[in-house]
């Protein structure tokens, strides 16, 4: 074989390696259970940012990752159904928003990694052991520390000193940690506050 033919052959084989490697690449699966409605602009914005972040890291939906999204629309029963459905898909990771989804995932799987977003006080809800070392297969990002609830009441007292009553409204289906919030909220009552 002549030198030019050899270099040409080697060059062609080398150029084909990335294509062969891509053809054999494993497609990862990410499942997302979102507490919002599919039509919610903030939910769509968050999903768009999630996809863009993945793309920046080299993960393109349809090429090397499959992203399955479920929108529960605040319906706790639908969320539990989606948990069963998503766990059966055996994704590489599940991203969950909403306490009912995380609670159902905790019961449904101890092997699939679960990343929660926007969960208030995940330790108090029993999802993780602590924020530094969550333990198990669940970890994530917390938005609210319950001590802030009481401090919010304090700020409200300063902003509106003549205010006589304050109330909390919640849906027990989607706000399963009300008792922890109420404890800090009610500890801040002064005088006629309720």
Protein backbone atom coordinates (compact mmCIF):
# COMPACT_ATOMS: atom_id res chain seq x y z
CA UNK A 1 0.00 0.00 0.00
CA UNK A 2 1.32 3.40 -0.86
CA UNK A 3 1.79 6.11 1.68
CA UNK A 4 -0.95 8.38 0.25
CA UNK A 5 -3.49 5.57 0.18
CA UNK A 6 -2.61 4.64 3.75
CA UNK A 7 -3.03 8.25 4.97
CA UNK A 8 -6.30 8.55 3.09
CA UNK A 9 -7.59 5.32 4.63
CA UNK A 10 -6.47 6.34 8.13
CA UNK A 11 -8.01 9.81 7.72
CA UNK A 12 -11.34 8.34 6.59
CA UNK A 13 -11.41 5.89 9.51
CA UNK A 14 -10.54 8.63 11.99
CA UNK A 15 -13.31 10.88 10.66
CA UNK A 16 -15.80 8.03 11.03
CA UNK A 17 -14.94 7.35 14.71
CA UNK A 18 -17.03 10.18 16.16
CA UNK A 19 -20.01 9.10 14.04
CA UNK A 20 -19.69 5.51 15.20
CA UNK A 21 -19.31 6.63 18.81
CA UNK A 22 -22.41 8.85 18.53
CA UNK A 23 -24.41 6.02 16.95
CA UNK A 24 -23.61 3.79 19.92
CA UNK A 25 -24.13 6.52 22.52
CA UNK A 26 -26.63 5.73 25.24
CA UNK A 27 -29.62 8.05 25.33
CA UNK A 28 -30.25 9.18 28.89
CA UNK A 29 -33.78 9.73 30.15
CA UNK A 30 -34.87 12.60 32.39
CA UNK A 31 -38.42 12.79 33.73
CA UNK A 32 -39.91 16.02 35.03
CA UNK A 33 -43.03 16.18 37.16
CA UNK A 34 -44.16 19.80 37.34
CA UNK A 35 -46.75 21.05 39.82
CA UNK A 36 -47.90 23.76 37.41
CA UNK A 37 -50.32 23.73 34.48
CA UNK A 38 -48.73 23.23 31.08
CA UNK A 39 -50.11 26.62 30.01
CA UNK A 40 -48.50 28.44 32.95
CA UNK A 41 -46.00 30.99 31.57
CA UNK A 42 -43.63 30.64 34.53
CA UNK A 43 -43.63 26.85 34.21
CA UNK A 44 -42.88 27.12 30.49
CA UNK A 45 -40.12 29.64 31.19
CA UNK A 46 -38.55 27.32 33.77
CA UNK A 47 -38.73 24.35 31.39
CA UNK A 48 -37.15 26.43 28.61
CA UNK A 49 -34.30 27.46 30.95
CA UNK A 50 -33.84 23.81 32.00
CA UNK A 51 -33.58 22.67 28.38
CA UNK A 52 -31.19 25.52 27.51
CA UNK A 53 -28.99 24.65 30.48
CA UNK A 54 -28.90 21.03 29.38
CA UNK A 55 -28.03 22.06 25.81
CA UNK A 56 -25.12 24.19 27.06
CA UNK A 57 -23.81 21.06 28.76
CA UNK A 58 -24.08 19.08 25.52
CA UNK A 59 -27.36 17.30 26.25
CA UNK A 60 -29.79 17.70 23.35
CA UNK A 61 -33.35 16.42 23.73
CA UNK A 62 -33.90 13.78 21.05
CA UNK A 63 -30.20 13.20 20.40
CA UNK A 64 -28.51 12.03 23.61
CA UNK A 65 -31.23 12.68 26.18
CA UNK A 66 -35.00 12.12 26.25
CA UNK A 67 -36.86 14.58 28.47
CA UNK A 68 -40.34 13.43 29.53
CA UNK A 69 -42.46 16.20 31.10
CA UNK A 70 -45.68 15.77 33.07
CA UNK A 71 -47.78 18.77 34.14
CA UNK A 72 -49.98 18.12 37.18
CA UNK A 73 -51.68 21.51 37.32
CA UNK A 74 -51.84 21.49 41.12
CA UNK A 75 -53.85 18.26 41.12
CA UNK A 76 -52.39 15.98 43.82
CA UNK A 77 -54.12 12.86 42.46
CA UNK A 78 -52.78 13.50 38.96
CA UNK A 79 -49.32 14.03 40.46
CA UNK A 80 -49.46 10.62 42.16
CA UNK A 81 -50.54 9.02 38.85
CA UNK A 82 -47.63 10.69 37.07
CA UNK A 83 -45.22 9.39 39.72
CA UNK A 84 -46.35 5.83 39.04
CA UNK A 85 -46.09 6.40 35.29
CA UNK A 86 -42.66 8.05 35.45
CA UNK A 87 -41.12 5.47 37.80
CA UNK A 88 -42.24 2.75 35.36
CA UNK A 89 -40.24 4.53 32.61
CA UNK A 90 -37.07 3.93 34.69
CA UNK A 91 -35.48 7.30 33.91
CA UNK A 92 -31.91 8.10 34.88
CA UNK A 93 -33.18 10.96 37.07
CA UNK A 94 -36.51 12.50 38.04
CA UNK A 95 -36.89 16.24 38.59
CA UNK A 96 -39.90 17.03 40.77
CA UNK A 97 -41.65 20.18 41.88
CA UNK A 98 -44.36 20.07 44.50
CA UNK A 99 -44.37 18.30 47.84
CA UNK A 100 -47.02 15.73 46.82
CA UNK A 101 -44.79 14.57 43.94
CA UNK A 102 -41.72 14.26 46.15
CA UNK A 103 -43.69 12.45 48.87
CA UNK A 104 -45.07 10.00 46.29
CA UNK A 105 -41.61 9.51 44.76
CA UNK A 106 -40.13 8.80 48.18
CA UNK A 107 -42.66 5.97 48.57
CA UNK A 108 -42.35 4.76 44.96
CA UNK A 109 -38.56 4.46 44.51
CA UNK A 110 -35.40 4.27 46.54
CA UNK A 111 -33.15 3.70 43.52
CA UNK A 112 -33.95 6.34 40.90
CA UNK A 113 -32.26 9.66 41.75
CA UNK A 114 -34.81 12.39 42.51
CA UNK A 115 -33.98 16.11 42.41
CA UNK A 116 -36.61 18.38 43.92
CA UNK A 117 -37.00 22.07 43.10
CA UNK A 118 -38.96 24.68 45.00
CA UNK A 119 -39.73 22.49 47.99
CA UNK A 120 -40.14 24.31 51.29
CA UNK A 121 -38.31 22.77 54.25
CA UNK A 122 -37.56 19.30 52.82
CA UNK A 123 -36.03 18.18 56.14
CA UNK A 124 -39.19 19.00 58.13
CA UNK A 125 -41.26 17.17 55.51
CA UNK A 126 -39.11 14.07 55.89
CA UNK A 127 -37.82 14.00 52.32
CA UNK A 128 -34.15 14.24 53.31
CA UNK A 129 -32.06 13.87 56.46
CA UNK A 130 -30.43 17.31 56.18
CA UNK A 131 -29.47 19.79 53.47
CA UNK A 132 -25.72 19.14 53.67
CA UNK A 133 -26.03 15.35 53.46
CA UNK A 134 -29.51 14.46 52.24
CA UNK A 135 -28.95 10.68 52.25
CA UNK A 136 -30.90 8.25 50.11
CA UNK A 137 -31.80 8.97 46.51
CA UNK A 138 -33.42 12.39 47.03
CA UNK A 139 -31.73 15.79 46.94
CA UNK A 140 -32.54 19.23 45.64
CA UNK A 141 -33.08 22.93 46.14
CA UNK A 142 -35.15 24.47 48.92
CA UNK A 143 -36.79 27.88 48.63
CA UNK A 144 -38.25 28.52 52.07
CA UNK A 145 -36.91 28.22 55.57
CA UNK A 146 -39.89 28.20 57.94
CA UNK A 147 -38.23 30.73 60.23
CA UNK A 148 -38.77 33.22 57.40
CA UNK A 149 -42.55 32.79 57.75
CA UNK A 150 -42.47 34.24 61.27
CA UNK A 151 -40.10 37.00 60.19
CA UNK A 152 -42.54 37.89 57.42
CA UNK A 153 -45.22 38.38 60.06
CA UNK A 154 -42.82 40.62 62.00
CA UNK A 155 -42.21 42.72 58.88
CA UNK A 156 -45.95 42.93 58.26
CA UNK A 157 -46.44 44.27 61.80
CA UNK A 158 -43.92 47.01 61.11
CA UNK A 159 -45.37 47.86 57.70
CA UNK A 160 -49.00 47.90 58.89
CA UNK A 161 -49.03 48.50 62.67
CA UNK A 162 -52.82 48.94 62.82
CA UNK A 163 -53.51 45.62 61.13
CA UNK A 164 -55.63 43.52 63.47
CA UNK A 165 -55.83 40.09 61.83
CA UNK A 166 -53.66 37.95 59.58
CA UNK A 167 -54.71 34.60 58.19
CA UNK A 168 -53.18 31.73 56.28
CA UNK A 169 -54.92 30.02 53.40
CA UNK A 170 -53.66 26.72 52.08
CA UNK A 171 -54.66 23.60 50.23
CA UNK A 172 -53.84 20.54 52.38
CA UNK A 173 -53.51 18.45 49.20
CA UNK A 174 -50.57 20.50 47.93
CA UNK A 175 -49.29 22.15 51.10
CA UNK A 176 -48.59 19.14 53.29
CA UNK A 177 -46.26 21.04 55.63
CA UNK A 178 -48.86 23.51 56.89
CA UNK A 179 -48.43 22.42 60.52
CA UNK A 180 -44.75 23.41 60.47
CA UNK A 181 -45.57 26.79 58.90
CA UNK A 182 -48.40 27.39 61.36
CA UNK A 183 -46.13 26.71 64.33
CA UNK A 184 -43.74 29.53 63.39
CA UNK A 185 -46.56 31.79 62.20
CA UNK A 186 -48.61 31.46 65.37
CA UNK A 187 -45.56 31.91 67.61
CA UNK A 188 -45.25 35.46 66.22
CA UNK A 189 -48.76 36.56 67.20
CA UNK A 190 -48.93 39.66 69.34
CA UNK A 191 -52.08 41.11 70.83
CA UNK A 192 -55.09 40.64 68.59
CA UNK A 193 -53.16 38.90 65.79
CA UNK A 194 -54.56 35.66 64.48
